[in-house]
Amino acid sequence: MRRARLVLLNGPPGAGKSTLARHLAEDAPLALALDVDQLKHALGRWDEELDRAGLHARELALALAAAQLASGRDVLVGQYVARPAFLDQLASVAAAADASWVEILLDVDEATLRARLDARARRPERPEQRVNARLVGPDDAPRLLESLTAVRAQRPGLHVVDARGDLEATAAAVRAVLDAVR
C-alpha cells in the first residue's frame, strides 16, 4: 500500500498552483486540495492584519494537513512560499505522519506570468483571485520570479516542473514526478 503524500505545489501567484492542486486531488479518493489563501480569506478581518492572518492560516493548514495525513490520505498544497520556514514545517508534518514529502516548483517565464496575472485581474475565476489581484499585478512578475531564486538553490529535493502549458500538460508533468517519487 502506498504511503500518504504531502505535496507542495510552489510557484508565483498566477502559476496555477491552486487550480492544479484541485485537479490533482481528483486522482485519489478523499485527497485534500488545501488552499492556504482560502483559509486566510475565511478569517474575520484578515485584510486588516495581512501578516498575522497569513501566519495563522498557515498554522491552520499545518493542522489540517496533519489530520489528513493521519487518516492515510494525500494532501496537495498550492502555495507561494519564498521563505523556507513554512517549507520546513510542511516537511516536518509529513515526517511526523510517516508520509512522503514532495516539493514541486511550478516554473513559468516572465511573459507567461505577466499574461496570467493580467488575465486573472481582468476576469477572476474565484473570489480569492479578485482579492489577490489588488495585491499582485503583471508588473510584479519579475520580483515574484526573483523571490523564488533562493528556494531553487536551497531546496535539494525540489522538483521543478514547466508550468507554461495548459492544465493537462502541467498535471501530466506533476504526475510523472509523483510516480517517480512513490
C-alpha atoms as a PDB file:
ATOM      1  CA  MET A   1       0.000   0.000   0.000  1.00  0.00           C
ATOM      2  CA  ARG A   2       1.246   3.460  -0.914  1.00  0.00           C
ATOM      3  CA  ARG A   3       2.139   5.934   1.837  1.00  0.00           C
ATOM      4  CA  ALA A   4       0.125   9.123   2.072  1.00  0.00           C
ATOM      5  CA  ARG A   5       1.790  12.096   0.407  1.00  0.00           C
ATOM      6  CA  LEU A   6       2.107  15.738   1.303  1.00  0.00           C
ATOM      7  CA  VAL A   7       2.713  17.545  -1.988  1.00  0.00           C
ATOM      8  CA  LEU A   8       3.600  21.222  -2.129  1.00  0.00           C
ATOM      9  CA  LEU A   9       2.950  22.965  -5.436  1.00  0.00           C
ATOM     10  CA  ASN A  10       5.000  26.130  -5.041  1.00  0.00           C
ATOM     11  CA  GLY A  11       5.341  28.963  -7.516  1.00  0.00           C
ATOM     12  CA  PRO A  12       4.478  32.593  -8.014  1.00  0.00           C
ATOM     13  CA  PRO A  13       0.890  33.821  -7.898  1.00  0.00           C
ATOM     14  CA  GLY A  14      -0.610  33.051 -11.294  1.00  0.00           C
ATOM     15  CA  ALA A  15       1.413  29.878 -11.886  1.00  0.00           C
ATOM     16  CA  GLY A  16      -1.709  27.723 -11.500  1.00  0.00           C
ATOM     17  CA  LYS A  17      -0.971  26.162  -8.115  1.00  0.00           C
ATOM     18  CA  SER A  18      -4.482  26.119  -6.641  1.00  0.00           C
ATOM     19  CA  THR A  19      -6.153  25.046  -9.863  1.00  0.00           C
ATOM     20  CA  LEU A  20      -3.609  22.275 -10.290  1.00  0.00           C
ATOM     21  CA  ALA A  21      -3.969  21.112  -6.662  1.00  0.00           C
ATOM     22  CA  ARG A  22      -7.750  20.810  -7.073  1.00  0.00           C
ATOM     23  CA  HIS A  23      -7.305  18.977 -10.373  1.00  0.00           C
ATOM     24  CA  LEU A  24      -4.769  16.507  -8.972  1.00  0.00           C
ATOM     25  CA  ALA A  25      -6.849  15.882  -5.846  1.00  0.00           C
ATOM     26  CA  GLU A  26      -9.355  14.196  -8.146  1.00  0.00           C
ATOM     27  CA  ASP A  27      -6.790  11.419  -8.732  1.00  0.00           C
ATOM     28  CA  ALA A  28      -7.287   9.850  -5.281  1.00  0.00           C
ATOM     29  CA  PRO A  29     -10.388   9.308  -3.157  1.00  0.00           C
ATOM     30  CA  LEU A  30     -10.695  11.961  -0.451  1.00  0.00           C
ATOM     31  CA  ALA A  31      -7.370  13.607  -1.295  1.00  0.00           C
ATOM     32  CA  LEU A  32      -7.334  17.169   0.022  1.00  0.00           C
ATOM     33  CA  ALA A  33      -6.515  20.206  -2.088  1.00  0.00           C
ATOM     34  CA  LEU A  34      -5.518  22.523   0.740  1.00  0.00           C
ATOM     35  CA  ASP A  35      -5.663  26.205  -0.197  1.00  0.00           C
ATOM     36  CA  VAL A  36      -3.973  28.354   2.446  1.00  0.00           C
ATOM     37  CA  ASP A  37      -5.266  31.554   0.834  1.00  0.00           C
ATOM     38  CA  GLN A  38      -8.859  30.372   1.185  1.00  0.00           C
ATOM     39  CA  LEU A  39      -8.202  29.695   4.859  1.00  0.00           C
ATOM     40  CA  LYS A  40      -6.737  33.182   5.238  1.00  0.00           C
ATOM     41  CA  HIS A  41      -9.673  34.809   3.476  1.00  0.00           C
ATOM     42  CA  ALA A  42     -12.082  32.893   5.713  1.00  0.00           C
ATOM     43  CA  LEU A  43     -10.643  34.614   8.782  1.00  0.00           C
ATOM     44  CA  GLY A  44     -12.587  37.617  10.048  1.00  0.00           C
ATOM     45  CA  ARG A  45     -10.985  40.956   9.144  1.00  0.00           C
ATOM     46  CA  TRP A  46      -7.964  39.196   7.679  1.00  0.00           C
ATOM     47  CA  ASP A  47      -7.219  42.155   5.443  1.00  0.00           C
ATOM     48  CA  GLU A  48      -6.606  44.416   8.457  1.00  0.00           C
ATOM     49  CA  GLU A  49      -3.649  42.293   9.565  1.00  0.00           C
ATOM     50  CA  LEU A  50      -2.265  40.594   6.479  1.00  0.00           C
ATOM     51  CA  ASP A  51       0.879  39.147   8.052  1.00  0.00           C
ATOM     52  CA  ARG A  52      -0.851  37.771  11.151  1.00  0.00           C
ATOM     53  CA  ALA A  53      -3.712  36.384   9.075  1.00  0.00           C
ATOM     54  CA  GLY A  54      -1.270  34.682   6.717  1.00  0.00           C
ATOM     55  CA  LEU A  55       0.694  33.116   9.562  1.00  0.00           C
ATOM     56  CA  HIS A  56      -2.480  31.941  11.282  1.00  0.00           C
ATOM     57  CA  ALA A  57      -3.784  30.451   8.036  1.00  0.00           C
ATOM     58  CA  ARG A  58      -0.509  28.542   7.698  1.00  0.00           C
ATOM     59  CA  GLU A  59      -0.881  27.201  11.266  1.00  0.00           C
ATOM     60  CA  LEU A  60      -4.388  26.023  10.394  1.00  0.00           C
ATOM     61  CA  ALA A  61      -3.108  24.464   7.174  1.00  0.00           C
ATOM     62  CA  LEU A  62      -0.438  22.526   9.067  1.00  0.00           C
ATOM     63  CA  ALA A  63      -3.069  21.169  11.473  1.00  0.00           C
ATOM     64  CA  LEU A  64      -5.389  20.195   8.615  1.00  0.00           C
ATOM     65  CA  ALA A  65      -2.535  18.538   6.734  1.00  0.00           C
ATOM     66  CA  ALA A  66      -1.544  16.548   9.846  1.00  0.00           C
ATOM     67  CA  ALA A  67      -5.098  15.321  10.357  1.00  0.00           C
ATOM     68  CA  GLN A  68      -5.496  14.381   6.689  1.00  0.00           C
ATOM     69  CA  LEU A  69      -2.179  12.505   6.596  1.00  0.00           C
ATOM     70  CA  ALA A  70      -3.041  10.702   9.849  1.00  0.00           C
ATOM     71  CA  SER A  71      -6.083   9.316   8.051  1.00  0.00           C
ATOM     72  CA  GLY A  72      -3.773   7.952   5.334  1.00  0.00           C
ATOM     73  CA  ARG A  73      -4.911  10.390   2.670  1.00  0.00           C
ATOM     74  CA  ASP A  74      -2.962  12.733   0.401  1.00  0.00           C
ATOM     75  CA  VAL A  75      -2.669  16.486   0.806  1.00  0.00           C
ATOM     76  CA  LEU A  76      -1.884  18.828  -2.076  1.00  0.00           C
ATOM     77  CA  VAL A  77      -0.953  22.345  -1.015  1.00  0.00           C
ATOM     78  CA  GLY A  78      -0.853  25.034  -3.682  1.00  0.00           C
ATOM     79  CA  GLN A  79       1.011  27.923  -2.059  1.00  0.00           C
ATOM     80  CA  TYR A  80       3.551  30.574  -2.997  1.00  0.00           C
ATOM     81  CA  VAL A  81       6.380  30.092  -0.472  1.00  0.00           C
ATOM     82  CA  ALA A  82       9.554  32.129  -0.858  1.00  0.00           C
ATOM     83  CA  ARG A  83      10.871  31.656   2.695  1.00  0.00           C
ATOM     84  CA  PRO A  84      11.986  28.251   3.972  1.00  0.00           C
ATOM     85  CA  ALA A  85      10.232  28.234   7.380  1.00  0.00           C
ATOM     86  CA  PHE A  86       6.847  27.059   6.064  1.00  0.00           C
ATOM     87  CA  LEU A  87       8.561  24.568   3.749  1.00  0.00           C
ATOM     88  CA  ASP A  88      10.358  23.062   6.727  1.00  0.00           C
ATOM     89  CA  GLN A  89       7.134  22.969   8.752  1.00  0.00           C
ATOM     90  CA  LEU A  90       5.330  21.107   5.965  1.00  0.00           C
ATOM     91  CA  ALA A  91       8.207  18.640   5.670  1.00  0.00           C
ATOM     92  CA  SER A  92       8.054  18.062   9.439  1.00  0.00           C
ATOM     93  CA  VAL A  93       4.305  17.377   9.280  1.00  0.00           C
ATOM     94  CA  ALA A  94       4.922  14.801   6.555  1.00  0.00           C
ATOM     95  CA  ALA A  95       7.738  13.160   8.535  1.00  0.00           C
ATOM     96  CA  ALA A  96       5.659  13.029  11.725  1.00  0.00           C
ATOM     97  CA  ALA A  97       2.896  11.237   9.801  1.00  0.00           C
ATOM     98  CA  ASP A  98       5.356   8.907   8.031  1.00  0.00           C
ATOM     99  CA  ALA A  99       4.082  10.367   4.763  1.00  0.00           C
ATOM    100  CA  SER A 100       6.014  11.111   1.606  1.00  0.00           C
ATOM    101  CA  TRP A 101       7.063  14.746   1.203  1.00  0.00           C
ATOM    102  CA  VAL A 102       7.171  16.035  -2.366  1.00  0.00           C
ATOM    103  CA  GLU A 103       8.169  19.605  -3.095  1.00  0.00           C
ATOM    104  CA  ILE A 104       7.427  20.899  -6.591  1.00  0.00           C
ATOM    105  CA  LEU A 105       8.120  24.333  -8.041  1.00  0.00           C
ATOM    106  CA  LEU A 106       5.869  25.330 -10.937  1.00  0.00           C
ATOM    107  CA  ASP A 107       8.164  27.158 -13.329  1.00  0.00           C
ATOM    108  CA  VAL A 108       6.902  29.901 -15.631  1.00  0.00           C
ATOM    109  CA  ASP A 109       8.709  32.600 -17.560  1.00  0.00           C
ATOM    110  CA  GLU A 110       8.111  36.302 -17.061  1.00  0.00           C
ATOM    111  CA  ALA A 111       5.954  36.779 -20.166  1.00  0.00           C
ATOM    112  CA  THR A 112       3.669  33.884 -19.230  1.00  0.00           C
ATOM    113  CA  LEU A 113       3.361  35.095 -15.657  1.00  0.00           C
ATOM    114  CA  ARG A 114       2.565  38.655 -16.735  1.00  0.00           C
ATOM    115  CA  ALA A 115      -0.142  37.410 -19.090  1.00  0.00           C
ATOM    116  CA  ARG A 116      -1.709  35.170 -16.440  1.00  0.00           C
ATOM    117  CA  LEU A 117      -1.706  37.881 -13.787  1.00  0.00           C
ATOM    118  CA  ASP A 118      -3.270  40.294 -16.271  1.00  0.00           C
ATOM    119  CA  ALA A 119      -5.963  37.780 -17.265  1.00  0.00           C
ATOM    120  CA  ARG A 120      -6.699  36.971 -13.639  1.00  0.00           C
ATOM    121  CA  ALA A 121      -7.091  40.655 -12.786  1.00  0.00           C
ATOM    122  CA  ARG A 122      -9.444  41.194 -15.727  1.00  0.00           C
ATOM    123  CA  ARG A 123     -11.521  38.020 -15.232  1.00  0.00           C
ATOM    124  CA  PRO A 124     -11.037  36.465 -11.811  1.00  0.00           C
ATOM    125  CA  GLU A 125     -12.414  32.916 -11.691  1.00  0.00           C
ATOM    126  CA  ARG A 126     -12.501  32.682  -7.892  1.00  0.00           C
ATOM    127  CA  PRO A 127     -13.114  35.239  -5.116  1.00  0.00           C
ATOM    128  CA  GLU A 128      -9.546  34.974  -3.813  1.00  0.00           C
ATOM    129  CA  GLN A 129      -8.232  35.921  -7.260  1.00  0.00           C
ATOM    130  CA  ARG A 130     -10.208  39.146  -7.093  1.00  0.00           C
ATOM    131  CA  VAL A 131      -8.610  39.906  -3.731  1.00  0.00           C
ATOM    132  CA  ASN A 132      -5.117  38.845  -4.791  1.00  0.00           C
ATOM    133  CA  ALA A 133      -5.309  40.992  -7.932  1.00  0.00           C
ATOM    134  CA  ARG A 134      -5.352  44.029  -5.631  1.00  0.00           C
ATOM    135  CA  LEU A 135      -2.091  42.844  -4.073  1.00  0.00           C
ATOM    136  CA  VAL A 136      -0.182  41.465  -7.081  1.00  0.00           C
ATOM    137  CA  GLY A 137      -0.289  42.521 -10.727  1.00  0.00           C
ATOM    138  CA  PRO A 138       1.526  41.897 -14.009  1.00  0.00           C
ATOM    139  CA  ASP A 139       4.272  44.404 -13.182  1.00  0.00           C
ATOM    140  CA  ASP A 140       5.185  42.286 -10.150  1.00  0.00           C
ATOM    141  CA  ALA A 141       6.177  39.298 -12.312  1.00  0.00           C
ATOM    142  CA  PRO A 142       9.969  39.926 -12.268  1.00  0.00           C
ATOM    143  CA  ARG A 143      10.012  40.409  -8.477  1.00  0.00           C
ATOM    144  CA  LEU A 144       7.902  37.286  -7.880  1.00  0.00           C
ATOM    145  CA  LEU A 145      10.134  35.125 -10.052  1.00  0.00           C
ATOM    146  CA  GLU A 146      13.277  36.514  -8.422  1.00  0.00           C
ATOM    147  CA  SER A 147      11.860  35.799  -4.960  1.00  0.00           C
ATOM    148  CA  LEU A 148      11.943  32.071  -5.724  1.00  0.00           C
ATOM    149  CA  THR A 149      15.622  32.015  -6.723  1.00  0.00           C
ATOM    150  CA  ALA A 150      16.748  31.177  -3.183  1.00  0.00           C
ATOM    151  CA  VAL A 151      14.166  28.388  -2.912  1.00  0.00           C
ATOM    152  CA  ARG A 152      15.578  26.831  -6.071  1.00  0.00           C
ATOM    153  CA  ALA A 153      19.109  26.985  -4.707  1.00  0.00           C
ATOM    154  CA  GLN A 154      18.423  25.909  -1.124  1.00  0.00           C
ATOM    155  CA  ARG A 155      15.987  23.005  -1.556  1.00  0.00           C
ATOM    156  CA  PRO A 156      17.935  19.901  -2.637  1.00  0.00           C
ATOM    157  CA  GLY A 157      14.836  17.715  -3.077  1.00  0.00           C
ATOM    158  CA  LEU A 158      12.953  20.292  -5.122  1.00  0.00           C
ATOM    159  CA  HIS A 159      11.364  19.119  -8.376  1.00  0.00           C
ATOM    160  CA  VAL A 160      10.948  21.857 -10.987  1.00  0.00           C
ATOM    161  CA  VAL A 161       8.052  21.414 -13.424  1.00  0.00           C
ATOM    162  CA  ASP A 162       7.419  23.533 -16.514  1.00  0.00           C
ATOM    163  CA  ALA A 163       4.016  25.148 -15.946  1.00  0.00           C
ATOM    164  CA  ARG A 164       3.872  27.310 -19.070  1.00  0.00           C
ATOM    165  CA  GLY A 165       1.468  24.936 -20.791  1.00  0.00           C
ATOM    166  CA  ASP A 166      -2.161  24.233 -20.119  1.00  0.00           C
ATOM    167  CA  LEU A 167      -3.571  22.491 -17.066  1.00  0.00           C
ATOM    168  CA  GLU A 168      -3.437  18.991 -18.565  1.00  0.00           C
ATOM    169  CA  ALA A 169       0.187  19.321 -19.680  1.00  0.00           C
ATOM    170  CA  THR A 170       1.282  20.621 -16.294  1.00  0.00           C
ATOM    171  CA  ALA A 171      -0.750  17.969 -14.469  1.00  0.00           C
ATOM    172  CA  ALA A 172       0.883  15.246 -16.570  1.00  0.00           C
ATOM    173  CA  ALA A 173       4.347  16.571 -15.697  1.00  0.00           C
ATOM    174  CA  VAL A 174       3.491  16.682 -11.978  1.00  0.00           C
ATOM    175  CA  ARG A 175       2.016  13.160 -12.111  1.00  0.00           C
ATOM    176  CA  ALA A 176       5.291  11.956 -13.659  1.00  0.00           C
ATOM    177  CA  VAL A 177       7.194  13.429 -10.707  1.00  0.00           C
ATOM    178  CA  LEU A 178       4.766  11.874  -8.226  1.00  0.00           C
ATOM    179  CA  ASP A 179       5.030   8.472  -9.924  1.00  0.00           C
ATOM    180  CA  ALA A 180       8.821   8.640  -9.773  1.00  0.00           C
ATOM    181  CA  VAL A 181       8.851   9.582  -6.082  1.00  0.00           C
ATOM    182  CA  ARG A 182       6.494   6.873  -4.791  1.00  0.00           C
END
